């Protein structure tokens, strides 16, 4: 059974309040593809979102450490 219009509106309202969205685009001819990232996330037992967020967090921490030197 499809979701009701009220359910869809409630979901949109919740997501808007609770989440920031970030869209990344990966060129199809890039060295790393979406499939590569998904495969690495699967191997780590993580969703692609968690995998990418962890990579960003580590990069940001490394940059902060370099500034402290």
C-alpha atoms as a PDB file:
ATOM      1  CA  UNK A   1       0.000   0.000   0.000  1.00  0.00           C
ATOM      2  CA  UNK A   2       1.477   3.394  -0.964  1.00  0.00           C
ATOM      3  CA  UNK A   3       2.130   5.991   1.714  1.00  0.00           C
ATOM      4  CA  UNK A   4      -0.619   8.526   2.303  1.00  0.00           C
ATOM      5  CA  UNK A   5      -0.064  12.174   1.426  1.00  0.00           C
ATOM      6  CA  UNK A   6      -0.104  13.029   5.155  1.00  0.00           C
ATOM      7  CA  UNK A   7       2.616  10.437   5.815  1.00  0.00           C
ATOM      8  CA  UNK A   8       4.750  11.809   2.994  1.00  0.00           C
ATOM      9  CA  UNK A   9       4.334  15.382   4.309  1.00  0.00           C
ATOM     10  CA  UNK A  10       5.224  14.268   7.845  1.00  0.00           C
ATOM     11  CA  UNK A  11       8.323  12.461   6.579  1.00  0.00           C
ATOM     12  CA  UNK A  12       9.469  15.497   4.580  1.00  0.00           C
ATOM     13  CA  UNK A  13       8.906  17.761   7.601  1.00  0.00           C
ATOM     14  CA  UNK A  14      10.901  15.423   9.878  1.00  0.00           C
ATOM     15  CA  UNK A  15      13.776  15.029   7.417  1.00  0.00           C
ATOM     16  CA  UNK A  16      13.957  18.786   6.807  1.00  0.00           C
ATOM     17  CA  UNK A  17      14.154  19.447  10.541  1.00  0.00           C
ATOM     18  CA  UNK A  18      16.542  16.588  11.361  1.00  0.00           C
ATOM     19  CA  UNK A  19      18.977  16.246   8.468  1.00  0.00           C
ATOM     20  CA  UNK A  20      21.272  18.303   6.286  1.00  0.00           C
ATOM     21  CA  UNK A  21      21.616  16.913   2.787  1.00  0.00           C
ATOM     22  CA  UNK A  22      24.816  16.838   0.792  1.00  0.00           C
ATOM     23  CA  UNK A  23      24.907  15.680  -2.795  1.00  0.00           C
ATOM     24  CA  UNK A  24      28.155  14.582  -4.388  1.00  0.00           C
ATOM     25  CA  UNK A  25      28.678  13.861  -8.046  1.00  0.00           C
ATOM     26  CA  UNK A  26      31.229  11.324  -9.213  1.00  0.00           C
ATOM     27  CA  UNK A  27      32.307  11.325 -12.823  1.00  0.00           C
ATOM     28  CA  UNK A  28      31.657   7.996 -14.469  1.00  0.00           C
ATOM     29  CA  UNK A  29      35.244   7.980 -15.765  1.00  0.00           C
ATOM     30  CA  UNK A  30      36.806   8.875 -12.377  1.00  0.00           C
ATOM     31  CA  UNK A  31      39.453   6.684 -10.723  1.00  0.00           C
ATOM     32  CA  UNK A  32      37.018   5.909  -7.902  1.00  0.00           C
ATOM     33  CA  UNK A  33      33.443   5.065  -8.815  1.00  0.00           C
ATOM     34  CA  UNK A  34      30.238   4.903  -6.824  1.00  0.00           C
ATOM     35  CA  UNK A  35      30.498   1.124  -7.012  1.00  0.00           C
ATOM     36  CA  UNK A  36      34.019   1.251  -5.518  1.00  0.00           C
ATOM     37  CA  UNK A  37      32.754   3.304  -2.588  1.00  0.00           C
ATOM     38  CA  UNK A  38      29.736   1.030  -2.091  1.00  0.00           C
ATOM     39  CA  UNK A  39      31.971  -2.050  -2.197  1.00  0.00           C
ATOM     40  CA  UNK A  40      34.362  -0.572   0.381  1.00  0.00           C
ATOM     41  CA  UNK A  41      31.430   0.367   2.624  1.00  0.00           C
ATOM     42  CA  UNK A  42      30.006  -3.146   2.315  1.00  0.00           C
ATOM     43  CA  UNK A  43      33.369  -4.666   3.230  1.00  0.00           C
ATOM     44  CA  UNK A  44      33.519  -2.393   6.283  1.00  0.00           C
ATOM     45  CA  UNK A  45      29.980  -3.444   7.223  1.00  0.00           C
ATOM     46  CA  UNK A  46      28.750   0.154   6.947  1.00  0.00           C
ATOM     47  CA  UNK A  47      26.265   2.069   4.884  1.00  0.00           C
ATOM     48  CA  UNK A  48      27.747   4.272   2.201  1.00  0.00           C
ATOM     49  CA  UNK A  49      26.629   7.328   4.195  1.00  0.00           C
ATOM     50  CA  UNK A  50      28.464   6.197   7.342  1.00  0.00           C
ATOM     51  CA  UNK A  51      31.541   5.237   5.311  1.00  0.00           C
ATOM     52  CA  UNK A  52      31.766   8.620   3.585  1.00  0.00           C
ATOM     53  CA  UNK A  53      31.058  10.559   6.795  1.00  0.00           C
ATOM     54  CA  UNK A  54      33.858   8.676   8.581  1.00  0.00           C
ATOM     55  CA  UNK A  55      36.272   9.431   5.730  1.00  0.00           C
ATOM     56  CA  UNK A  56      35.379  13.127   5.908  1.00  0.00           C
ATOM     57  CA  UNK A  57      35.729  13.163   9.713  1.00  0.00           C
ATOM     58  CA  UNK A  58      39.191  11.554   9.538  1.00  0.00           C
ATOM     59  CA  UNK A  59      40.300  14.005   6.852  1.00  0.00           C
ATOM     60  CA  UNK A  60      39.092  16.956   8.903  1.00  0.00           C
ATOM     61  CA  UNK A  61      40.872  15.668  12.024  1.00  0.00           C
ATOM     62  CA  UNK A  62      44.095  15.244  10.038  1.00  0.00           C
ATOM     63  CA  UNK A  63      43.832  18.780   8.705  1.00  0.00           C
ATOM     64  CA  UNK A  64      43.306  20.122  12.220  1.00  0.00           C
ATOM     65  CA  UNK A  65      46.409  18.272  13.453  1.00  0.00           C
ATOM     66  CA  UNK A  66      48.501  19.738  10.613  1.00  0.00           C
ATOM     67  CA  UNK A  67      47.414  23.253  11.561  1.00  0.00           C
ATOM     68  CA  UNK A  68      48.506  22.671  15.174  1.00  0.00           C
ATOM     69  CA  UNK A  69      52.091  21.945  14.121  1.00  0.00           C
END
